[in-house]
Each structure stands twice: as structure tokens, then as C-alpha cells.
Amino acid sequence: MARVVNLRTRRKQAVRDKDRQAAAENAARHGRARAEQAITQARADKALRDLDGHFRETEPD
């Protein structure tokens, strides 16, 4: 005997699968991994620290 299938659930699952596929394509096209974002932020922070380290401290006259 055949299994009973809820068509509404199948339809919702098909929409979810399509949305997940579209999200994966967009992430591959536009997104960056969290590790890449962290590296970029760390490099920017280091560059700012290095720049601040080159300033002279002057005494008021």
C-alpha cells in the first residue's frame, strides 16, 4: 500500500529547498566566510595601531 503524503508539507518543503539553494548561490557569489571577515578586521585594526604608533607626542609649550 502507498504511503500517505501531506501535499501542503511537501509544497512547503519544496519552497524551503528552493530558497536554500538560492541562498547558497548568493553566499557563494557575494558572501565571505566568517574567518575571512575576521582576518580583514584584524588587519585593519593592526594598520590603525601601527599608524597611531608613528605619531609623535608633543609637549605643550
C-alpha atoms as a PDB file:
ATOM      1  CA  MET A   1       0.000   0.000   0.000  1.00  0.00           C
ATOM      2  CA  ALA A   2       1.224   3.508  -0.784  1.00  0.00           C
ATOM      3  CA  ARG A   3       2.302   5.980   1.868  1.00  0.00           C
ATOM      4  CA  VAL A   4       0.032   8.867   2.709  1.00  0.00           C
ATOM      5  CA  VAL A   5       1.723  12.164   1.877  1.00  0.00           C
ATOM      6  CA  ASN A   6       0.649  15.583   3.082  1.00  0.00           C
ATOM      7  CA  LEU A   7       0.811  17.732  -0.061  1.00  0.00           C
ATOM      8  CA  ARG A   8       0.922  21.004   1.867  1.00  0.00           C
ATOM      9  CA  THR A   9       4.006  19.831   3.760  1.00  0.00           C
ATOM     10  CA  ARG A  10       5.663  18.686   0.522  1.00  0.00           C
ATOM     11  CA  ARG A  11       4.927  22.042  -1.119  1.00  0.00           C
ATOM     12  CA  LYS A  12       6.386  23.964   1.827  1.00  0.00           C
ATOM     13  CA  GLN A  13       9.464  21.720   1.827  1.00  0.00           C
ATOM     14  CA  ALA A  14       9.976  22.324  -1.899  1.00  0.00           C
ATOM     15  CA  VAL A  15       9.839  26.097  -1.330  1.00  0.00           C
ATOM     16  CA  ARG A  16      12.341  25.814   1.546  1.00  0.00           C
ATOM     17  CA  ASP A  17      14.698  23.739  -0.612  1.00  0.00           C
ATOM     18  CA  LYS A  18      14.491  26.284  -3.440  1.00  0.00           C
ATOM     19  CA  ASP A  19      15.185  29.150  -1.012  1.00  0.00           C
ATOM     20  CA  ARG A  20      18.153  27.314   0.494  1.00  0.00           C
ATOM     21  CA  GLN A  21      19.578  26.742  -2.986  1.00  0.00           C
ATOM     22  CA  ALA A  22      19.190  30.424  -3.863  1.00  0.00           C
ATOM     23  CA  ALA A  23      20.800  31.422  -0.557  1.00  0.00           C
ATOM     24  CA  ALA A  24      23.747  29.113  -1.190  1.00  0.00           C
ATOM     25  CA  GLU A  25      24.252  30.595  -4.655  1.00  0.00           C
ATOM     26  CA  ASN A  26      24.124  34.143  -3.275  1.00  0.00           C
ATOM     27  CA  ALA A  27      26.547  33.283  -0.484  1.00  0.00           C
ATOM     28  CA  ALA A  28      28.986  31.795  -2.954  1.00  0.00           C
ATOM     29  CA  ARG A  29      28.663  34.809  -5.216  1.00  0.00           C
ATOM     30  CA  HIS A  30      28.678  37.633  -2.649  1.00  0.00           C
ATOM     31  CA  GLY A  31      29.479  36.346   0.796  1.00  0.00           C
ATOM     32  CA  ARG A  32      32.703  35.977   2.657  1.00  0.00           C
ATOM     33  CA  ALA A  33      33.443  33.393   5.284  1.00  0.00           C
ATOM     34  CA  ARG A  34      33.483  34.487   8.898  1.00  0.00           C
ATOM     35  CA  ALA A  35      37.210  33.696   9.059  1.00  0.00           C
ATOM     36  CA  GLU A  36      37.908  35.989   6.102  1.00  0.00           C
ATOM     37  CA  GLN A  37      35.924  38.763   7.768  1.00  0.00           C
ATOM     38  CA  ALA A  38      37.886  38.287  10.995  1.00  0.00           C
ATOM     39  CA  ILE A  39      41.217  38.417   9.145  1.00  0.00           C
ATOM     40  CA  THR A  40      40.209  41.592   7.330  1.00  0.00           C
ATOM     41  CA  GLN A  41      39.138  43.225  10.602  1.00  0.00           C
ATOM     42  CA  ALA A  42      42.346  42.152  12.360  1.00  0.00           C
ATOM     43  CA  ARG A  43      44.470  43.596   9.545  1.00  0.00           C
ATOM     44  CA  ALA A  44      42.579  46.895   9.675  1.00  0.00           C
ATOM     45  CA  ASP A  45      42.991  47.072  13.460  1.00  0.00           C
ATOM     46  CA  LYS A  46      46.729  46.370  13.182  1.00  0.00           C
ATOM     47  CA  ALA A  47      47.167  49.021  10.497  1.00  0.00           C
ATOM     48  CA  LEU A  48      45.422  51.556  12.736  1.00  0.00           C
ATOM     49  CA  ARG A  49      47.609  50.611  15.714  1.00  0.00           C
ATOM     50  CA  ASP A  50      50.750  50.865  13.590  1.00  0.00           C
ATOM     51  CA  LEU A  51      49.715  54.271  12.301  1.00  0.00           C
ATOM     52  CA  ASP A  52      48.975  55.513  15.824  1.00  0.00           C
ATOM     53  CA  GLY A  53      52.393  54.266  16.898  1.00  0.00           C
ATOM     54  CA  HIS A  54      54.116  56.590  14.421  1.00  0.00           C
ATOM     55  CA  PHE A  55      52.637  59.800  15.811  1.00  0.00           C
ATOM     56  CA  ARG A  56      54.928  61.982  17.854  1.00  0.00           C
ATOM     57  CA  GLU A  57      53.845  63.030  21.260  1.00  0.00           C
ATOM     58  CA  THR A  58      54.500  66.727  21.673  1.00  0.00           C
ATOM     59  CA  GLU A  59      54.662  68.617  24.928  1.00  0.00           C
ATOM     60  CA  PRO A  60      52.684  71.811  25.301  1.00  0.00           C
ATOM     61  CA  ASP A  61      54.814  74.971  25.315  1.00  0.00           C
END
